Amino acid sequence: MIAHLARANPQWRTVGPDTPALFVCQGHQAYISPSWHAAKAEHGRVVPTWNYTAVELRGTINIFHDPDRLLEAVSLLTHQHENDRDKPWAPTDAPPDYISGQLRGIVGIDIGSTPPPAKPS
């Protein structure tokens, strides 16, 4: 997973090379009415519930500052969120010196996968 933080955010300074990391992300959530269950009409023994998704990503975190890599990360993120629009915006739509300045205000975060611990022999 590649992301970024504001350079002014002090959290990135607490990360050393290959620091263990846990990233938790929540997805869509929704109330589930008992009325939606066929069992309500059959026997009535139903209650409301909540439907949700969550993902945990474990790995090692590394910070990067390389402007080309930051631009790639921001471009991928922007493409993901803009792609469905009629006229998607891209970092290349803004003046290059403006984008360069904005990139100086962030640091990149790379969370790579960590292999599971070896089983004892």
PDB file of N, CA and C in Angstrom:
ATOM      1  N   MET A   1       0.847  -1.155   0.000  1.00  0.00           N
ATOM      2  CA  MET A   1       0.000   0.000   0.000  1.00  0.00           C
ATOM      3  C   MET A   1       0.897   1.223   0.000  1.00  0.00           C
ATOM      4  N   ILE A   2       0.571   2.155  -0.857  1.00  0.00           N
ATOM      5  CA  ILE A   2       1.325   3.400  -0.906  1.00  0.00           C
ATOM      6  C   ILE A   2       0.361   4.542  -0.593  1.00  0.00           C
ATOM      7  N   ALA A   3       0.787   5.413   0.297  1.00  0.00           N
ATOM      8  CA  ALA A   3      -0.040   6.540   0.727  1.00  0.00           C
ATOM      9  C   ALA A   3       0.892   7.721   0.999  1.00  0.00           C
ATOM     10  N   HIS A   4       0.338   8.773   1.565  1.00  0.00           N
ATOM     11  CA  HIS A   4       1.177   9.912   1.938  1.00  0.00           C
ATOM     12  C   HIS A   4       0.586  10.622   3.146  1.00  0.00           C
ATOM     13  N   LEU A   5       1.443  11.352   3.821  1.00  0.00           N
ATOM     14  CA  LEU A   5       1.072  12.203   4.948  1.00  0.00           C
ATOM     15  C   LEU A   5       1.603  13.604   4.673  1.00  0.00           C
ATOM     16  N   ALA A   6       0.981  14.571   5.292  1.00  0.00           N
ATOM     17  CA  ALA A   6       1.519  15.924   5.225  1.00  0.00           C
ATOM     18  C   ALA A   6       2.874  15.944   5.924  1.00  0.00           C
ATOM     19  N   ARG A   7       3.833  16.600   5.320  1.00  0.00           N
ATOM     20  CA  ARG A   7       5.160  16.702   5.931  1.00  0.00           C
ATOM     21  C   ARG A   7       5.061  17.347   7.320  1.00  0.00           C
ATOM     22  N   ALA A   8       4.076  18.228   7.521  1.00  0.00           N
ATOM     23  CA  ALA A   8       3.895  18.883   8.818  1.00  0.00           C
ATOM     24  C   ALA A   8       3.356  17.935   9.888  1.00  0.00           C
ATOM     25  N   ASN A   9       2.833  16.790   9.494  1.00  0.00           N
ATOM     26  CA  ASN A   9       2.320  15.807  10.443  1.00  0.00           C
ATOM     27  C   ASN A   9       3.511  15.105  11.095  1.00  0.00           C
ATOM     28  N   PRO A  10       3.673  15.205  12.406  1.00  0.00           N
ATOM     29  CA  PRO A  10       4.865  14.631  13.052  1.00  0.00           C
ATOM     30  C   PRO A  10       4.897  13.098  13.079  1.00  0.00           C
ATOM     31  N   GLN A  11       3.810  12.444  12.762  1.00  0.00           N
ATOM     32  CA  GLN A  11       3.779  10.983  12.875  1.00  0.00           C
ATOM     33  C   GLN A  11       4.827  10.298  12.000  1.00  0.00           C
ATOM     34  N   TRP A  12       5.073  10.812  10.813  1.00  0.00           N
ATOM     35  CA  TRP A  12       6.012  10.143   9.922  1.00  0.00           C
ATOM     36  C   TRP A  12       7.436  10.135  10.478  1.00  0.00           C
ATOM     37  N   ARG A  13       7.742  11.068  11.366  1.00  0.00           N
ATOM     38  CA  ARG A  13       9.086  11.143  11.940  1.00  0.00           C
ATOM     39  C   ARG A  13       9.353  10.032  12.961  1.00  0.00           C
ATOM     40  N   THR A  14       8.316   9.362  13.420  1.00  0.00           N
ATOM     41  CA  THR A  14       8.485   8.304  14.422  1.00  0.00           C
ATOM     42  C   THR A  14       8.733   6.941  13.786  1.00  0.00           C
ATOM     43  N   VAL A  15       8.764   6.887  12.466  1.00  0.00           N
ATOM     44  CA  VAL A  15       8.897   5.625  11.746  1.00  0.00           C
ATOM     45  C   VAL A  15      10.343   5.421  11.308  1.00  0.00           C
ATOM     46  N   GLY A  16      10.918   4.294  11.728  1.00  0.00           N
ATOM     47  CA  GLY A  16      12.253   3.931  11.257  1.00  0.00           C
ATOM     48  C   GLY A  16      12.134   2.969  10.091  1.00  0.00           C
ATOM     49  N   PRO A  17      13.254   2.673   9.445  1.00  0.00           N
ATOM     50  CA  PRO A  17      13.208   1.726   8.322  1.00  0.00           C
ATOM     51  C   PRO A  17      12.630   0.375   8.762  1.00  0.00           C
ATOM     52  N   ASP A  18      11.745  -0.145   7.959  1.00  0.00           N
ATOM     53  CA  ASP A  18      11.132  -1.468   8.182  1.00  0.00           C
ATOM     54  C   ASP A  18      10.402  -1.578   9.526  1.00  0.00           C
ATOM     55  N   THR A  19       9.800  -0.492   9.975  1.00  0.00           N
ATOM     56  CA  THR A  19       9.001  -0.519  11.199  1.00  0.00           C
ATOM     57  C   THR A  19       7.743  -1.358  10.961  1.00  0.00           C
ATOM     58  N   PRO A  20       7.415  -2.284  11.871  1.00  0.00           N
ATOM     59  CA  PRO A  20       6.167  -3.052  11.701  1.00  0.00           C
ATOM     60  C   PRO A  20       4.974  -2.099  11.696  1.00  0.00           C
ATOM     61  N   ALA A  21       3.988  -2.402  10.839  1.00  0.00           N
ATOM     62  CA  ALA A  21       2.834  -1.516  10.699  1.00  0.00           C
ATOM     63  C   ALA A  21       1.551  -2.324  10.604  1.00  0.00           C
ATOM     64  N   LEU A  22       0.481  -1.706  11.060  1.00  0.00           N
ATOM     65  CA  LEU A  22      -0.872  -2.246  10.909  1.00  0.00           C
ATOM     66  C   LEU A  22      -1.728  -1.111  10.372  1.00  0.00           C
ATOM     67  N   PHE A  23      -2.330  -1.319   9.210  1.00  0.00           N
ATOM     68  CA  PHE A  23      -3.219  -0.345   8.596  1.00  0.00           C
ATOM     69  C   PHE A  23      -4.616  -0.936   8.620  1.00  0.00           C
ATOM     70  N   VAL A  24      -5.566  -0.208   9.198  1.00  0.00           N
ATOM     71  CA  VAL A  24      -6.950  -0.672   9.284  1.00  0.00           C
ATOM     72  C   VAL A  24      -7.813   0.269   8.458  1.00  0.00           C
ATOM     73  N   CYS A  25      -8.612  -0.306   7.581  1.00  0.00           N
ATOM     74  CA  CYS A  25      -9.458   0.489   6.695  1.00  0.00           C
ATOM     75  C   CYS A  25     -10.879  -0.051   6.756  1.00  0.00           C
ATOM     76  N   GLN A  26     -11.834   0.834   6.982  1.00  0.00           N
ATOM     77  CA  GLN A  26     -13.236   0.437   6.976  1.00  0.00           C
ATOM     78  C   GLN A  26     -13.845   0.726   5.615  1.00  0.00           C
ATOM     79  N   GLY A  27     -14.685  -0.193   5.171  1.00  0.00           N
ATOM     80  CA  GLY A  27     -15.384  -0.014   3.907  1.00  0.00           C
ATOM     81  C   GLY A  27     -16.809   0.431   4.139  1.00  0.00           C
ATOM     82  N   HIS A  28     -17.664   0.042   3.232  1.00  0.00           N
ATOM     83  CA  HIS A  28     -19.074   0.424   3.312  1.00  0.00           C
ATOM     84  C   HIS A  28     -19.727  -0.169   4.549  1.00  0.00           C
ATOM     85  N   GLN A  29     -20.695   0.557   5.089  1.00  0.00           N
ATOM     86  CA  GLN A  29     -21.452   0.116   6.244  1.00  0.00           C
ATOM     87  C   GLN A  29     -22.931   0.345   5.962  1.00  0.00           C
ATOM     88  N   ALA A  30     -23.764  -0.490   6.549  1.00  0.00           N
ATOM     89  CA  ALA A  30     -25.205  -0.314   6.332  1.00  0.00           C
ATOM     90  C   ALA A  30     -26.001  -1.009   7.431  1.00  0.00           C
ATOM     91  N   TYR A  31     -27.094  -0.396   7.782  1.00  0.00           N
ATOM     92  CA  TYR A  31     -28.069  -0.984   8.700  1.00  0.00           C
ATOM     93  C   TYR A  31     -28.837  -2.064   7.939  1.00  0.00           C
ATOM     94  N   ILE A  32     -29.054  -3.198   8.586  1.00  0.00           N
ATOM     95  CA  ILE A  32     -29.821  -4.290   7.988  1.00  0.00           C
ATOM     96  C   ILE A  32     -31.107  -4.465   8.796  1.00  0.00           C
ATOM     97  N   SER A  33     -32.223  -4.179   8.171  1.00  0.00           N
ATOM     98  CA  SER A  33     -33.529  -4.272   8.835  1.00  0.00           C
ATOM     99  C   SER A  33     -33.995  -5.718   8.934  1.00  0.00           C
ATOM    100  N   PRO A  34     -34.601  -6.095  10.048  1.00  0.00           N
ATOM    101  CA  PRO A  34     -35.180  -7.440  10.147  1.00  0.00           C
ATOM    102  C   PRO A  34     -36.253  -7.671   9.078  1.00  0.00           C
ATOM    103  N   SER A  35     -36.852  -6.597   8.600  1.00  0.00           N
ATOM    104  CA  SER A  35     -37.894  -6.726   7.576  1.00  0.00           C
ATOM    105  C   SER A  35     -37.359  -7.308   6.271  1.00  0.00           C
ATOM    106  N   TRP A  36     -36.059  -7.248   6.058  1.00  0.00           N
ATOM    107  CA  TRP A  36     -35.476  -7.748   4.817  1.00  0.00           C
ATOM    108  C   TRP A  36     -35.272  -9.259   4.832  1.00  0.00           C
ATOM    109  N   HIS A  37     -35.418  -9.889   5.980  1.00  0.00           N
ATOM    110  CA  HIS A  37     -35.189 -11.330   6.103  1.00  0.00           C
ATOM    111  C   HIS A  37     -36.493 -12.101   5.899  1.00  0.00           C
ATOM    112  N   ALA A  38     -36.424 -13.140   5.092  1.00  0.00           N
ATOM    113  CA  ALA A  38     -37.601 -13.994   4.882  1.00  0.00           C
ATOM    114  C   ALA A  38     -38.053 -14.611   6.198  1.00  0.00           C
ATOM    115  N   ALA A  39     -37.124 -14.823   7.116  1.00  0.00           N
ATOM    116  CA  ALA A  39     -37.455 -15.440   8.403  1.00  0.00           C
ATOM    117  C   ALA A  39     -38.437 -14.599   9.210  1.00  0.00           C
ATOM    118  N   LYS A  40     -38.524 -13.314   8.941  1.00  0.00           N
ATOM    119  CA  LYS A  40     -39.472 -12.460   9.663  1.00  0.00           C
ATOM    120  C   LYS A  40     -40.897 -12.961   9.434  1.00  0.00           C
ATOM    121  N   ALA A  41     -41.227 -13.278   8.192  1.00  0.00           N
ATOM    122  CA  ALA A  41     -42.572 -13.765   7.875  1.00  0.00           C
ATOM    123  C   ALA A  41     -42.755 -15.215   8.331  1.00  0.00           C
ATOM    124  N   GLU A  42     -41.663 -15.980   8.335  1.00  0.00           N
ATOM    125  CA  GLU A  42     -41.752 -17.393   8.698  1.00  0.00           C
ATOM    126  C   GLU A  42     -41.944 -17.600  10.193  1.00  0.00           C
ATOM    127  N   HIS A  43     -41.125 -16.973  11.015  1.00  0.00           N
ATOM    128  CA  HIS A  43     -41.204 -17.212  12.461  1.00  0.00           C
ATOM    129  C   HIS A  43     -40.987 -15.959  13.308  1.00  0.00           C
ATOM    130  N   GLY A  44     -40.592 -14.856  12.702  1.00  0.00           N
ATOM    131  CA  GLY A  44     -40.461 -13.588  13.410  1.00  0.00           C
ATOM    132  C   GLY A  44     -39.251 -13.475  14.309  1.00  0.00           C
ATOM    133  N   ARG A  45     -38.426 -14.506  14.397  1.00  0.00           N
ATOM    134  CA  ARG A  45     -37.257 -14.462  15.283  1.00  0.00           C
ATOM    135  C   ARG A  45     -36.073 -13.831  14.539  1.00  0.00           C
ATOM    136  N   VAL A  46     -36.146 -12.543  14.346  1.00  0.00           N
ATOM    137  CA  VAL A  46     -35.090 -11.785  13.672  1.00  0.00           C
ATOM    138  C   VAL A  46     -34.871 -10.468  14.412  1.00  0.00           C
ATOM    139  N   VAL A  47     -33.699  -9.941  14.285  1.00  0.00           N
ATOM    140  CA  VAL A  47     -33.356  -8.655  14.903  1.00  0.00           C
ATOM    141  C   VAL A  47     -32.548  -7.841  13.889  1.00  0.00           C
ATOM    142  N   PRO A  48     -32.475  -6.535  14.106  1.00  0.00           N
ATOM    143  CA  PRO A  48     -31.641  -5.737  13.211  1.00  0.00           C
ATOM    144  C   PRO A  48     -30.159  -6.081  13.408  1.00  0.00           C
ATOM    145  N   THR A  49     -29.387  -5.796  12.402  1.00  0.00           N
ATOM    146  CA  THR A  49     -27.942  -6.013  12.487  1.00  0.00           C
ATOM    147  C   THR A  49     -27.242  -4.933  11.679  1.00  0.00           C
ATOM    148  N   TRP A  50     -25.949  -5.010  11.622  1.00  0.00           N
ATOM    149  CA  TRP A  50     -25.139  -4.034  10.903  1.00  0.00           C
ATOM    150  C   TRP A  50     -24.207  -4.797   9.984  1.00  0.00           C
ATOM    151  N   ASN A  51     -24.163  -4.407   8.739  1.00  0.00           N
ATOM    152  CA  ASN A  51     -23.291  -5.030   7.756  1.00  0.00           C
ATOM    153  C   ASN A  51     -22.102  -4.093   7.516  1.00  0.00           C
ATOM    154  N   TYR A  52     -20.897  -4.613   7.567  1.00  0.00           N
ATOM    155  CA  TYR A  52     -19.724  -3.774   7.365  1.00  0.00           C
ATOM    156  C   TYR A  52     -18.578  -4.601   6.797  1.00  0.00           C
ATOM    157  N   THR A  53     -17.605  -3.913   6.268  1.00  0.00           N
ATOM    158  CA  THR A  53     -16.366  -4.545   5.845  1.00  0.00           C
ATOM    159  C   THR A  53     -15.202  -3.790   6.476  1.00  0.00           C
ATOM    160  N   ALA A  54     -14.172  -4.517   6.800  1.00  0.00           N
ATOM    161  CA  ALA A  54     -12.950  -3.922   7.328  1.00  0.00           C
ATOM    162  C   ALA A  54     -11.781  -4.771   6.850  1.00  0.00           C
ATOM    163  N   VAL A  55     -10.670  -4.109   6.639  1.00  0.00           N
ATOM    164  CA  VAL A  55      -9.470  -4.791   6.173  1.00  0.00           C
ATOM    165  C   VAL A  55      -8.317  -4.406   7.087  1.00  0.00           C
ATOM    166  N   GLU A  56      -7.508  -5.388   7.460  1.00  0.00           N
ATOM    167  CA  GLU A  56      -6.278  -5.131   8.191  1.00  0.00           C
ATOM    168  C   GLU A  56      -5.111  -5.517   7.287  1.00  0.00           C
ATOM    169  N   LEU A  57      -4.178  -4.607   7.121  1.00  0.00           N
ATOM    170  CA  LEU A  57      -2.982  -4.855   6.331  1.00  0.00           C
ATOM    171  C   LEU A  57      -1.789  -4.766   7.267  1.00  0.00           C
ATOM    172  N   ARG A  58      -1.037  -5.846   7.326  1.00  0.00           N
ATOM    173  CA  ARG A  58       0.166  -5.870   8.160  1.00  0.00           C
ATOM    174  C   ARG A  58       1.382  -5.921   7.249  1.00  0.00           C
ATOM    175  N   GLY A  59       2.406  -5.223   7.639  1.00  0.00           N
ATOM    176  CA  GLY A  59       3.631  -5.221   6.863  1.00  0.00           C
ATOM    177  C   GLY A  59       4.665  -4.349   7.540  1.00  0.00           C
ATOM    178  N   THR A  60       5.628  -3.927   6.770  1.00  0.00           N
ATOM    179  CA  THR A  60       6.623  -2.997   7.282  1.00  0.00           C
ATOM    180  C   THR A  60       6.429  -1.670   6.561  1.00  0.00           C
ATOM    181  N   ILE A  61       6.640  -0.609   7.301  1.00  0.00           N
ATOM    182  CA  ILE A  61       6.421   0.729   6.750  1.00  0.00           C
ATOM    183  C   ILE A  61       7.766   1.400   6.484  1.00  0.00           C
ATOM    184  N   ASN A  62       7.840   2.040   5.354  1.00  0.00           N
ATOM    185  CA  ASN A  62       9.018   2.829   5.006  1.00  0.00           C
ATOM    186  C   ASN A  62       8.543   4.174   4.465  1.00  0.00           C
ATOM    187  N   ILE A  63       9.296   5.195   4.784  1.00  0.00           N
ATOM    188  CA  ILE A  63       8.998   6.556   4.353  1.00  0.00           C
ATOM    189  C   ILE A  63       9.862   6.870   3.134  1.00  0.00           C
ATOM    190  N   PHE A  64       9.274   7.579   2.157  1.00  0.00           N
ATOM    191  CA  PHE A  64      10.083   7.998   1.013  1.00  0.00           C
ATOM    192  C   PHE A  64       9.807   9.461   0.673  1.00  0.00           C
ATOM    193  N   HIS A  65      10.825  10.090   0.089  1.00  0.00           N
ATOM    194  CA  HIS A  65      10.780  11.515  -0.222  1.00  0.00           C
ATOM    195  C   HIS A  65      11.021  11.799  -1.703  1.00  0.00           C
ATOM    196  N   ASP A  66      11.378  10.798  -2.479  1.00  0.00           N
ATOM    197  CA  ASP A  66      11.729  10.982  -3.883  1.00  0.00           C
ATOM    198  C   ASP A  66      10.565  11.615  -4.644  1.00  0.00           C
ATOM    199  N   PRO A  67      10.776  12.780  -5.270  1.00  0.00           N
ATOM    200  CA  PRO A  67       9.681  13.487  -5.944  1.00  0.00           C
ATOM    201  C   PRO A  67       9.021  12.676  -7.068  1.00  0.00           C
ATOM    202  N   ASP A  68       9.814  11.910  -7.817  1.00  0.00           N
ATOM    203  CA  ASP A  68       9.224  11.097  -8.895  1.00  0.00           C
ATOM    204  C   ASP A  68       8.307  10.017  -8.328  1.00  0.00           C
ATOM    205  N   ARG A  69       8.736   9.401  -7.249  1.00  0.00           N
ATOM    206  CA  ARG A  69       7.901   8.365  -6.622  1.00  0.00           C
ATOM    207  C   ARG A  69       6.662   8.978  -5.977  1.00  0.00           C
ATOM    208  N   LEU A  70       6.811  10.146  -5.361  1.00  0.00           N
ATOM    209  CA  LEU A  70       5.647  10.832  -4.788  1.00  0.00           C
ATOM    210  C   LEU A  70       4.647  11.188  -5.878  1.00  0.00           C
ATOM    211  N   LEU A  71       5.139  11.697  -7.007  1.00  0.00           N
ATOM    212  CA  LEU A  71       4.248  12.038  -8.114  1.00  0.00           C
ATOM    213  C   LEU A  71       3.524  10.800  -8.627  1.00  0.00           C
ATOM    214  N   GLU A  72       4.226   9.691  -8.726  1.00  0.00           N
ATOM    215  CA  GLU A  72       3.581   8.445  -9.160  1.00  0.00           C
ATOM    216  C   GLU A  72       2.480   8.034  -8.186  1.00  0.00           C
ATOM    217  N   ALA A  73       2.768   8.115  -6.885  1.00  0.00           N
ATOM    218  CA  ALA A  73       1.778   7.732  -5.867  1.00  0.00           C
ATOM    219  C   ALA A  73       0.545   8.632  -5.935  1.00  0.00           C
ATOM    220  N   VAL A  74       0.773   9.950  -6.020  1.00  0.00           N
ATOM    221  CA  VAL A  74      -0.334  10.900  -6.091  1.00  0.00           C
ATOM    222  C   VAL A  74      -1.119  10.709  -7.393  1.00  0.00           C
ATOM    223  N   SER A  75      -0.430  10.432  -8.483  1.00  0.00           N
ATOM    224  CA  SER A  75      -1.098  10.226  -9.775  1.00  0.00           C
ATOM    225  C   SER A  75      -1.979   8.982  -9.750  1.00  0.00           C
ATOM    226  N   LEU A  76      -1.481   7.909  -9.154  1.00  0.00           N
ATOM    227  CA  LEU A  76      -2.287   6.676  -9.052  1.00  0.00           C
ATOM    228  C   LEU A  76      -3.528   6.903  -8.190  1.00  0.00           C
ATOM    229  N   LEU A  77      -3.349   7.568  -7.069  1.00  0.00           N
ATOM    230  CA  LEU A  77      -4.471   7.851  -6.173  1.00  0.00           C
ATOM    231  C   LEU A  77      -5.497   8.740  -6.856  1.00  0.00           C
ATOM    232  N   THR A  78      -5.017   9.768  -7.531  1.00  0.00           N
ATOM    233  CA  THR A  78      -5.914  10.677  -8.238  1.00  0.00           C
ATOM    234  C   THR A  78      -6.670   9.940  -9.338  1.00  0.00           C
ATOM    235  N   HIS A  79      -5.964   9.121 -10.097  1.00  0.00           N
ATOM    236  CA  HIS A  79      -6.605   8.363 -11.173  1.00  0.00           C
ATOM    237  C   HIS A  79      -7.720   7.469 -10.613  1.00  0.00           C
ATOM    238  N   GLN A  80      -7.449   6.827  -9.492  1.00  0.00           N
ATOM    239  CA  GLN A  80      -8.459   5.942  -8.889  1.00  0.00           C
ATOM    240  C   GLN A  80      -9.746   6.697  -8.555  1.00  0.00           C
ATOM    241  N   HIS A  81      -9.606   7.921  -8.071  1.00  0.00           N
ATOM    242  CA  HIS A  81     -10.785   8.679  -7.641  1.00  0.00           C
ATOM    243  C   HIS A  81     -11.399   9.542  -8.741  1.00  0.00           C
ATOM    244  N   GLU A  82     -10.654   9.837  -9.769  1.00  0.00           N
ATOM    245  CA  GLU A  82     -11.142  10.707 -10.837  1.00  0.00           C
ATOM    246  C   GLU A  82     -11.604   9.943 -12.075  1.00  0.00           C
ATOM    247  N   ASN A  83     -11.199   8.700 -12.215  1.00  0.00           N
ATOM    248  CA  ASN A  83     -11.395   7.956 -13.451  1.00  0.00           C
ATOM    249  C   ASN A  83     -12.853   7.855 -13.906  1.00  0.00           C
ATOM    250  N   ASP A  84     -13.801   7.802 -12.999  1.00  0.00           N
ATOM    251  CA  ASP A  84     -15.209   7.660 -13.367  1.00  0.00           C
ATOM    252  C   ASP A  84     -15.880   8.989 -13.722  1.00  0.00           C
ATOM    253  N   ARG A  85     -15.176  10.083 -13.577  1.00  0.00           N
ATOM    254  CA  ARG A  85     -15.754  11.400 -13.879  1.00  0.00           C
ATOM    255  C   ARG A  85     -15.747  11.643 -15.384  1.00  0.00           C
ATOM    256  N   ASP A  86     -16.664  12.472 -15.848  1.00  0.00           N
ATOM    257  CA  ASP A  86     -16.718  12.810 -17.274  1.00  0.00           C
ATOM    258  C   ASP A  86     -15.413  13.461 -17.752  1.00  0.00           C
ATOM    259  N   LYS A  87     -14.888  14.345 -16.933  1.00  0.00           N
ATOM    260  CA  LYS A  87     -13.634  15.020 -17.267  1.00  0.00           C
ATOM    261  C   LYS A  87     -12.661  14.837 -16.096  1.00  0.00           C
ATOM    262  N   PRO A  88     -12.009  13.681 -16.022  1.00  0.00           N
ATOM    263  CA  PRO A  88     -11.139  13.432 -14.874  1.00  0.00           C
ATOM    264  C   PRO A  88      -9.958  14.401 -14.819  1.00  0.00           C
ATOM    265  N   TRP A  89      -9.643  14.821 -13.602  1.00  0.00           N
ATOM    266  CA  TRP A  89      -8.494  15.686 -13.373  1.00  0.00           C
ATOM    267  C   TRP A  89      -7.275  14.807 -13.144  1.00  0.00           C
ATOM    268  N   ALA A  90      -6.103  15.283 -13.527  1.00  0.00           N
ATOM    269  CA  ALA A  90      -4.833  14.600 -13.272  1.00  0.00           C
ATOM    270  C   ALA A  90      -3.810  15.643 -12.847  1.00  0.00           C
ATOM    271  N   PRO A  91      -2.792  15.229 -12.098  1.00  0.00           N
ATOM    272  CA  PRO A  91      -1.764  16.192 -11.705  1.00  0.00           C
ATOM    273  C   PRO A  91      -1.125  16.910 -12.892  1.00  0.00           C
ATOM    274  N   THR A  92      -1.111  16.287 -14.044  1.00  0.00           N
ATOM    275  CA  THR A  92      -0.543  16.931 -15.233  1.00  0.00           C
ATOM    276  C   THR A  92      -1.410  18.090 -15.732  1.00  0.00           C
ATOM    277  N   ASP A  93      -2.620  18.242 -15.196  1.00  0.00           N
ATOM    278  CA  ASP A  93      -3.485  19.366 -15.571  1.00  0.00           C
ATOM    279  C   ASP A  93      -3.061  20.665 -14.885  1.00  0.00           C
ATOM    280  N   ALA A  94      -2.294  20.551 -13.821  1.00  0.00           N
ATOM    281  CA  ALA A  94      -1.839  21.729 -13.084  1.00  0.00           C
ATOM    282  C   ALA A  94      -0.428  22.103 -13.552  1.00  0.00           C
ATOM    283  N   PRO A  95      -0.027  23.339 -13.336  1.00  0.00           N
ATOM    284  CA  PRO A  95       1.330  23.728 -13.720  1.00  0.00           C
ATOM    285  C   PRO A  95       2.374  22.867 -12.988  1.00  0.00           C
ATOM    286  N   PRO A  96       3.401  22.416 -13.689  1.00  0.00           N
ATOM    287  CA  PRO A  96       4.417  21.543 -13.073  1.00  0.00           C
ATOM    288  C   PRO A  96       5.073  22.136 -11.829  1.00  0.00           C
ATOM    289  N   ASP A  97       5.342  23.454 -11.825  1.00  0.00           N
ATOM    290  CA  ASP A  97       5.975  24.040 -10.642  1.00  0.00           C
ATOM    291  C   ASP A  97       5.034  24.039  -9.442  1.00  0.00           C
ATOM    292  N   TYR A  98       3.732  24.153  -9.698  1.00  0.00           N
ATOM    293  CA  TYR A  98       2.743  24.084  -8.621  1.00  0.00           C
ATOM    294  C   TYR A  98       2.731  22.678  -8.016  1.00  0.00           C
ATOM    295  N   ILE A  99       2.688  21.667  -8.870  1.00  0.00           N
ATOM    296  CA  ILE A  99       2.683  20.273  -8.390  1.00  0.00           C
ATOM    297  C   ILE A  99       3.972  19.977  -7.634  1.00  0.00           C
ATOM    298  N   SER A 100       5.108  20.442  -8.149  1.00  0.00           N
ATOM    299  CA  SER A 100       6.387  20.234  -7.449  1.00  0.00           C
ATOM    300  C   SER A 100       6.338  20.823  -6.041  1.00  0.00           C
ATOM    301  N   GLY A 101       5.768  22.002  -5.914  1.00  0.00           N
ATOM    302  CA  GLY A 101       5.638  22.625  -4.596  1.00  0.00           C
ATOM    303  C   GLY A 101       4.734  21.833  -3.674  1.00  0.00           C
ATOM    304  N   GLN A 102       3.642  21.333  -4.222  1.00  0.00           N
ATOM    305  CA  GLN A 102       2.723  20.533  -3.411  1.00  0.00           C
ATOM    306  C   GLN A 102       3.387  19.233  -2.963  1.00  0.00           C
ATOM    307  N   LEU A 103       4.177  18.618  -3.825  1.00  0.00           N
ATOM    308  CA  LEU A 103       4.871  17.371  -3.478  1.00  0.00           C
ATOM    309  C   LEU A 103       5.884  17.601  -2.357  1.00  0.00           C
ATOM    310  N   ARG A 104       6.451  18.786  -2.270  1.00  0.00           N
ATOM    311  CA  ARG A 104       7.393  19.078  -1.182  1.00  0.00           C
ATOM    312  C   ARG A 104       6.682  19.132   0.171  1.00  0.00           C
ATOM    313  N   GLY A 105       5.356  19.221   0.164  1.00  0.00           N
ATOM    314  CA  GLY A 105       4.585  19.280   1.404  1.00  0.00           C
ATOM    315  C   GLY A 105       4.112  17.931   1.907  1.00  0.00           C
ATOM    316  N   ILE A 106       4.519  16.836   1.240  1.00  0.00           N
ATOM    317  CA  ILE A 106       4.088  15.504   1.676  1.00  0.00           C
ATOM    318  C   ILE A 106       5.288  14.559   1.761  1.00  0.00           C
ATOM    319  N   VAL A 107       5.092  13.476   2.486  1.00  0.00           N
ATOM    320  CA  VAL A 107       6.061  12.380   2.514  1.00  0.00           C
ATOM    321  C   VAL A 107       5.298  11.108   2.132  1.00  0.00           C
ATOM    322  N   GLY A 108       5.967  10.223   1.423  1.00  0.00           N
ATOM    323  CA  GLY A 108       5.343   8.980   1.003  1.00  0.00           C
ATOM    324  C   GLY A 108       5.487   7.899   2.053  1.00  0.00           C
ATOM    325  N   ILE A 109       4.504   7.026   2.072  1.00  0.00           N
ATOM    326  CA  ILE A 109       4.494   5.884   2.982  1.00  0.00           C
ATOM    327  C   ILE A 109       4.290   4.641   2.142  1.00  0.00           C
ATOM    328  N   ASP A 110       5.151   3.673   2.332  1.00  0.00           N
ATOM    329  CA  ASP A 110       5.049   2.396   1.626  1.00  0.00           C
ATOM    330  C   ASP A 110       4.939   1.317   2.687  1.00  0.00           C
ATOM    331  N   ILE A 111       3.814   0.618   2.696  1.00  0.00           N
ATOM    332  CA  ILE A 111       3.648  -0.520   3.607  1.00  0.00           C
ATOM    333  C   ILE A 111       3.706  -1.773   2.762  1.00  0.00           C
ATOM    334  N   GLY A 112       4.803  -2.481   2.888  1.00  0.00           N
ATOM    335  CA  GLY A 112       4.988  -3.718   2.141  1.00  0.00           C
ATOM    336  C   GLY A 112       4.569  -4.911   2.972  1.00  0.00           C
ATOM    337  N   SER A 113       4.271  -5.987   2.289  1.00  0.00           N
ATOM    338  CA  SER A 113       3.833  -7.171   3.009  1.00  0.00           C
ATOM    339  C   SER A 113       4.997  -7.815   3.749  1.00  0.00           C
ATOM    340  N   THR A 114       4.684  -8.371   4.871  1.00  0.00           N
ATOM    341  CA  THR A 114       5.662  -9.090   5.670  1.00  0.00           C
ATOM    342  C   THR A 114       5.319 -10.561   5.604  1.00  0.00           C
ATOM    343  N   PRO A 115       6.280 -11.412   5.254  1.00  0.00           N
ATOM    344  CA  PRO A 115       5.956 -12.843   5.225  1.00  0.00           C
ATOM    345  C   PRO A 115       5.616 -13.331   6.619  1.00  0.00           C
ATOM    346  N   PRO A 116       4.751 -14.347   6.720  1.00  0.00           N
ATOM    347  CA  PRO A 116       4.430 -14.873   8.049  1.00  0.00           C
ATOM    348  C   PRO A 116       5.682 -15.455   8.700  1.00  0.00           C
ATOM    349  N   PRO A 117       5.714 -15.480  10.042  1.00  0.00           N
ATOM    350  CA  PRO A 117       6.904 -16.028  10.726  1.00  0.00           C
ATOM    351  C   PRO A 117       7.082 -17.500  10.331  1.00  0.00           C
ATOM    352  N   ALA A 118       8.334 -17.907  10.273  1.00  0.00           N
ATOM    353  CA  ALA A 118       8.637 -19.303   9.951  1.00  0.00           C
ATOM    354  C   ALA A 118       8.125 -20.209  11.055  1.00  0.00           C
ATOM    355  N   LYS A 119       7.609 -21.364  10.642  1.00  0.00           N
ATOM    356  CA  LYS A 119       7.143 -22.346  11.629  1.00  0.00           C
ATOM    357  C   LYS A 119       8.346 -23.051  12.239  1.00  0.00           C
ATOM    358  N   PRO A 120       8.299 -23.293  13.550  1.00  0.00           N
ATOM    359  CA  PRO A 120       9.425 -23.994  14.168  1.00  0.00           C
ATOM    360  C   PRO A 120       9.559 -25.405  13.586  1.00  0.00           C
ATOM    361  N   SER A 121      10.803 -25.826  13.393  1.00  0.00           N
ATOM    362  CA  SER A 121      11.003 -27.169  12.819  1.00  0.00           C
ATOM    363  C   SER A 121      11.163 -28.225  13.881  1.00  0.00           C
TER     364      SER A 121
END
